[in-house]
N, C-alpha and C. Protein backbone atom coordinates (compact mmCIF):
# COMPACT_ATOMS: atom_id res chain seq x y z
N UNK A 1 86.48 111.47 105.06
CA UNK A 1 85.03 110.53 105.53
C UNK A 1 84.04 110.99 104.16
N UNK A 2 83.34 110.08 104.05
CA UNK A 2 82.01 110.88 102.83
C UNK A 2 81.31 111.41 103.79
N UNK A 3 80.16 111.65 103.29
CA UNK A 3 79.38 112.82 103.58
C UNK A 3 77.89 112.26 104.54
N UNK A 4 77.58 112.17 105.44
CA UNK A 4 76.52 111.79 105.82
C UNK A 4 75.06 111.39 105.32
N UNK A 5 74.46 110.80 104.88
CA UNK A 5 73.17 110.73 104.31
C UNK A 5 72.01 111.78 104.59
N UNK A 6 71.67 112.00 106.07
CA UNK A 6 71.29 113.10 105.93
C UNK A 6 71.86 113.30 107.91
N UNK A 7 71.62 114.63 108.34
CA UNK A 7 71.64 115.52 109.86
C UNK A 7 71.37 114.48 110.92
N UNK A 8 72.46 114.36 111.83
CA UNK A 8 72.14 113.70 112.80
C UNK A 8 72.78 112.05 112.40
N UNK A 9 73.30 112.23 111.88
CA UNK A 9 74.36 110.38 111.16
C UNK A 9 75.66 110.64 111.82
N UNK A 10 76.51 109.46 112.10
CA UNK A 10 77.92 109.58 112.42
C UNK A 10 77.90 107.75 111.77
N UNK A 11 79.09 107.66 111.34
CA UNK A 11 79.56 106.35 110.45
C UNK A 11 80.73 106.02 111.39
N UNK A 12 81.25 104.44 110.84
CA UNK A 12 81.73 103.79 111.93
C UNK A 12 82.30 102.79 109.64
N UNK A 13 83.78 102.45 110.12
CA UNK A 13 84.04 101.80 109.18
C UNK A 13 84.17 99.50 109.35
N UNK A 14 83.23 99.61 108.01
CA UNK A 14 83.19 97.96 108.45
C UNK A 14 84.28 97.42 107.53
N UNK A 15 85.03 96.35 108.16
CA UNK A 15 86.15 95.52 107.39
C UNK A 15 85.45 94.24 107.35
N UNK A 16 84.56 93.80 106.36
CA UNK A 16 84.26 92.52 106.34
C UNK A 16 85.86 91.82 105.31
N UNK A 17 86.40 90.40 106.55
CA UNK A 17 87.22 89.73 105.76
C UNK A 17 86.37 88.17 105.01
N UNK A 18 87.01 87.81 104.11
CA UNK A 18 86.59 86.89 103.17
C UNK A 18 87.94 86.13 103.12
N UNK A 19 87.29 84.87 103.23
CA UNK A 19 88.62 84.21 103.04
C UNK A 19 88.45 83.72 100.80
N UNK A 20 90.06 83.74 100.47
CA UNK A 20 90.19 84.02 99.41
C UNK A 20 89.64 82.59 98.84
N UNK A 21 89.39 81.94 97.66
CA UNK A 21 89.32 80.95 96.70
C UNK A 21 90.57 80.22 96.62
N UNK A 22 91.64 80.99 95.84
CA UNK A 22 92.74 80.81 95.89
C UNK A 22 94.09 81.12 97.07
N UNK A 23 93.38 80.10 97.78
CA UNK A 23 94.72 80.64 98.84
C UNK A 23 96.22 79.63 98.50
N UNK A 24 97.32 80.65 99.28
CA UNK A 24 98.64 79.70 99.29
C UNK A 24 98.91 78.14 100.40
N UNK A 25 99.35 77.11 100.06
CA UNK A 25 98.89 76.44 100.84
C UNK A 25 99.85 76.15 102.00
N UNK A 26 99.91 76.52 103.28
CA UNK A 26 101.01 76.28 104.26
C UNK A 26 100.79 75.44 105.29
N UNK A 27 101.95 75.18 105.51
CA UNK A 27 101.93 73.68 107.37
C UNK A 27 101.38 74.59 107.70
N UNK A 28 100.42 73.11 108.81
CA UNK A 28 99.63 74.17 109.86
C UNK A 28 99.98 74.19 111.18
N UNK A 29 101.59 74.26 110.92
CA UNK A 29 102.15 75.18 111.67
C UNK A 29 102.15 76.52 111.29
N UNK A 30 102.33 76.78 110.19
CA UNK A 30 102.56 77.98 109.65
C UNK A 30 101.28 79.00 109.56
N UNK A 31 100.03 78.10 108.83
CA UNK A 31 98.36 78.22 109.50
C UNK A 31 98.05 79.09 110.67
N UNK A 32 98.94 78.05 111.89
CA UNK A 32 98.68 78.62 113.24
C UNK A 32 99.68 79.77 113.47
N UNK A 33 100.29 80.19 113.02
CA UNK A 33 101.35 81.07 113.20
C UNK A 33 100.94 82.74 112.98
N UNK A 34 100.31 82.11 111.37
CA UNK A 34 99.47 83.66 110.67
C UNK A 34 98.47 84.17 111.98
N UNK A 35 97.23 83.14 111.87
CA UNK A 35 95.96 82.98 112.84
C UNK A 35 96.75 83.64 114.24
N UNK A 36 97.37 83.05 115.26
CA UNK A 36 97.93 84.10 116.02
C UNK A 36 98.80 85.40 115.98
N UNK A 37 99.08 85.67 115.04
CA UNK A 37 99.72 87.28 114.53
C UNK A 37 98.14 87.94 114.44
N UNK A 38 97.17 87.31 113.07
CA UNK A 38 96.26 87.86 113.19
C UNK A 38 95.34 88.76 114.26
N UNK A 39 95.57 87.47 115.29
CA UNK A 39 94.23 87.86 116.62
C UNK A 39 95.45 88.83 117.31
N UNK A 40 96.44 88.90 117.40
CA UNK A 40 97.64 89.76 117.93
C UNK A 40 97.24 91.05 117.22
N UNK A 41 97.53 90.83 116.08
CA UNK A 41 97.54 92.35 115.42
C UNK A 41 95.83 93.12 115.50
N UNK A 42 94.66 92.27 115.17
CA UNK A 42 93.66 92.86 116.22
C UNK A 42 93.60 93.52 117.55
N UNK A 43 94.20 92.74 118.43
CA UNK A 43 94.13 93.21 120.08
C UNK A 43 95.00 94.60 120.12
N UNK A 44 95.93 94.36 119.00
CA UNK A 44 97.00 95.63 119.00
C UNK A 44 95.84 96.94 118.88
N UNK A 45 95.21 97.15 117.12
CA UNK A 45 93.86 97.56 117.30
C UNK A 45 93.34 98.20 118.22
N UNK A 46 92.72 96.94 119.13
CA UNK A 46 91.77 97.75 120.00
C UNK A 46 92.47 98.20 121.42
N UNK A 47 94.02 97.95 121.49
CA UNK A 47 94.45 98.70 122.20
C UNK A 47 94.51 100.14 121.99
N UNK A 48 94.53 100.38 120.70
CA UNK A 48 95.34 101.93 120.54
C UNK A 48 93.88 102.45 120.38
N UNK A 49 92.91 102.00 120.70
CA UNK A 49 91.78 103.04 119.89
C UNK A 49 91.16 102.07 118.39
N UNK A 50 92.09 102.08 117.93
CA UNK A 50 91.42 102.34 116.53
C UNK A 50 90.29 101.34 115.64
N UNK A 51 90.31 100.60 116.28
CA UNK A 51 89.03 99.39 116.37
C UNK A 51 88.43 99.00 117.33
N UNK A 52 86.93 98.82 117.29
CA UNK A 52 85.72 98.83 118.07
C UNK A 52 85.32 97.57 118.48
N UNK A 53 85.60 96.67 117.44
CA UNK A 53 85.25 95.48 117.86
C UNK A 53 85.78 94.02 116.71
N UNK A 54 85.78 93.18 116.67
CA UNK A 54 86.24 92.65 115.15
C UNK A 54 85.81 90.60 116.01
N UNK A 55 85.36 90.15 114.90
CA UNK A 55 84.98 88.90 115.41
C UNK A 55 84.43 87.92 114.16
N UNK A 56 85.05 86.14 114.35
CA UNK A 56 83.96 86.22 113.50
C UNK A 56 82.54 85.63 112.86
N UNK A 57 82.84 85.19 111.99
CA UNK A 57 81.34 84.90 111.65
C UNK A 57 81.14 83.43 111.81
N UNK A 58 79.43 83.17 112.22
CA UNK A 58 79.01 81.38 112.33
C UNK A 58 77.48 81.68 111.82
N UNK A 59 77.49 79.85 111.51
CA UNK A 59 75.86 80.02 111.03
C UNK A 59 75.67 80.76 109.80
N UNK A 60 75.88 80.92 108.98
CA UNK A 60 75.20 81.41 107.26
C UNK A 60 75.65 80.48 106.51
N UNK A 61 76.08 80.89 105.35
CA UNK A 61 75.63 80.03 103.79
C UNK A 61 76.61 79.82 103.16
N UNK A 62 77.69 82.06 103.15
CA UNK A 62 78.55 81.53 102.66
C UNK A 62 79.65 81.76 103.19
N UNK A 63 80.23 80.67 102.44
CA UNK A 63 81.64 80.06 103.87
C UNK A 63 83.07 80.68 103.27
N UNK A 64 82.44 81.59 102.48
CA UNK A 64 83.96 82.84 102.12
C UNK A 64 84.28 84.03 103.49
N UNK A 65 82.83 84.18 103.95
CA UNK A 65 83.02 85.27 104.85
C UNK A 65 83.22 85.33 106.35
N UNK A 66 83.91 85.20 106.47
CA UNK A 66 85.05 84.78 107.68
C UNK A 66 84.80 85.71 109.09
N UNK A 67 84.76 86.75 108.77
CA UNK A 67 84.56 88.17 110.11
C UNK A 67 84.55 89.09 110.10
N UNK A 68 84.14 90.15 110.87
CA UNK A 68 83.76 91.55 110.67
C UNK A 68 84.89 92.67 111.78
N UNK A 69 85.73 93.20 110.98
CA UNK A 69 85.82 94.35 111.98
C UNK A 69 85.50 95.73 112.20
N UNK A 70 85.33 96.29 113.29
CA UNK A 70 84.44 97.78 112.92
C UNK A 70 85.59 98.50 113.48
N UNK A 71 85.81 99.31 112.43
CA UNK A 71 87.04 100.22 112.45
C UNK A 71 86.45 101.70 112.91
N UNK A 72 87.45 102.32 114.47
CA UNK A 72 86.85 104.27 114.30
C UNK A 72 87.38 104.81 114.03
N UNK A 73 88.07 104.76 112.51
CA UNK A 73 88.88 105.39 111.14
C UNK A 73 87.66 105.68 110.03
N UNK A 74 88.59 106.38 109.13
CA UNK A 74 87.62 106.56 107.87
C UNK A 74 87.98 105.38 107.44
N UNK A 75 87.32 105.03 106.34
CA UNK A 75 87.61 104.19 105.22
C UNK A 75 88.77 104.11 104.24
N UNK A 76 89.73 104.84 104.18
CA UNK A 76 90.96 105.15 103.66
C UNK A 76 92.50 104.11 105.07
N UNK A 77 92.25 105.22 106.34
CA UNK A 77 92.95 104.23 107.19
C UNK A 77 92.51 103.10 107.60
N UNK A 78 91.11 102.43 107.41
CA UNK A 78 90.81 101.37 107.75
C UNK A 78 91.50 100.97 107.07
N UNK A 79 91.73 100.64 105.53
CA UNK A 79 92.39 100.43 104.30
C UNK A 79 93.27 99.95 104.20
N UNK A 80 94.07 100.79 104.95
CA UNK A 80 95.87 100.89 105.30
C UNK A 80 95.76 99.81 106.60
N UNK A 81 95.22 100.20 107.51
CA UNK A 81 95.00 99.06 108.66
C UNK A 81 94.76 97.57 108.42
N UNK A 82 93.84 97.36 107.69
CA UNK A 82 93.68 96.23 106.94
C UNK A 82 94.28 95.21 105.92
N UNK A 83 95.65 96.10 105.37
CA UNK A 83 96.07 95.09 104.60
C UNK A 83 97.33 95.26 105.15
N UNK A 84 97.42 95.83 106.26
CA UNK A 84 98.72 94.96 107.50
C UNK A 84 98.51 93.97 108.34
N UNK A 85 97.18 93.30 107.96
CA UNK A 85 96.54 92.09 108.83
C UNK A 85 97.73 90.85 108.63
N UNK A 86 98.33 90.20 108.93
CA UNK A 86 98.75 89.34 109.00
C UNK A 86 98.45 87.92 107.66
N UNK A 87 96.31 87.96 108.20
CA UNK A 87 95.94 86.96 107.12
C UNK A 87 95.72 87.61 105.99
N UNK A 88 95.84 88.46 105.86
CA UNK A 88 95.78 89.63 104.90
C UNK A 88 96.51 89.26 103.84
N UNK A 89 97.80 90.14 104.81
CA UNK A 89 99.19 89.46 103.69
C UNK A 89 99.77 88.28 103.14
N UNK A 90 99.43 86.99 103.87
CA UNK A 90 99.82 86.14 103.69
C UNK A 90 98.50 84.90 102.72
N UNK A 91 98.31 85.87 102.70
CA UNK A 91 96.77 85.67 101.35
C UNK A 91 95.57 84.69 102.00
N UNK A 92 95.45 84.76 102.83
CA UNK A 92 94.28 83.64 103.80
C UNK A 92 92.71 84.48 103.16
N UNK A 93 93.28 85.78 103.50
CA UNK A 93 91.98 86.65 103.69
C UNK A 93 91.91 88.20 103.20
N UNK A 94 90.75 88.26 102.25
CA UNK A 94 90.76 89.57 101.84
C UNK A 94 89.77 90.21 102.73
N UNK A 95 90.28 91.86 102.43
CA UNK A 95 89.47 92.82 103.66
C UNK A 95 88.77 93.82 102.52
N UNK A 96 87.58 93.77 102.94
CA UNK A 96 86.32 94.63 101.87
C UNK A 96 85.70 95.49 103.38
N UNK A 97 86.35 97.25 102.81
CA UNK A 97 85.74 98.00 103.93
C UNK A 97 84.67 98.47 103.18
N UNK A 98 84.03 99.24 104.07
CA UNK A 98 82.39 100.15 103.51
C UNK A 98 82.21 100.71 104.86
N UNK A 99 81.80 102.12 104.37
CA UNK A 99 81.46 102.98 105.74
C UNK A 99 79.94 102.42 105.85
N UNK A 100 79.95 102.58 107.01
CA UNK A 100 78.35 102.07 107.35
C UNK A 100 77.92 103.80 107.90
N UNK A 101 76.73 103.91 107.89
CA UNK A 101 76.29 105.22 108.54
C UNK A 101 74.91 104.90 109.29
N UNK A 102 74.57 105.05 110.19
CA UNK A 102 73.63 105.24 111.39
C UNK A 102 73.43 106.44 112.17
N UNK A 103 72.52 106.05 112.66
CA UNK A 103 72.15 107.80 113.79
C UNK A 103 72.74 107.66 114.95
N UNK A 104 72.93 109.24 115.02
CA UNK A 104 73.90 109.66 116.49
C UNK A 104 73.02 108.58 117.69
N UNK A 105 74.23 108.13 118.46
CA UNK A 105 74.37 107.94 119.32
C UNK A 105 73.42 105.82 119.20
N UNK A 106 73.53 105.63 118.21
CA UNK A 106 72.63 104.20 117.79
C UNK A 106 73.64 103.35 118.54
N UNK A 107 74.79 103.50 117.99
CA UNK A 107 75.86 102.49 118.54
C UNK A 107 77.07 103.19 119.78
N UNK A 108 77.19 102.15 120.64
CA UNK A 108 78.34 102.38 121.59
C UNK A 108 79.68 101.56 121.93
N UNK A 109 80.66 101.54 121.77
CA UNK A 109 81.81 100.45 121.30
C UNK A 109 82.66 101.35 122.28
N UNK A 110 82.70 100.49 122.95
CA UNK A 110 83.79 100.30 124.40
C UNK A 110 84.88 100.24 124.08
């Protein structure tokens, strides 16, 4: 894990999910299956305590930017988990992990 920019800070790993420009063409039923597997994957990580929150974006100009996952792990572990996401494995989404620092106690995840 990286070093805090200053004392009194903690971090979470954010994973931006982006739609790839070059996507495989999948039949509707296969896209539905991948989406259901993606949601089940996120639910499993929530139950395991690995993920604090996840959800889609709306009302923005960049249509490639699809959603955000907030991991309670360091960046390397989050990268490994994100690569196991069925939507990432199917080539529909790309995962972009970043470390986010904030003042200790400012963010509380259920």
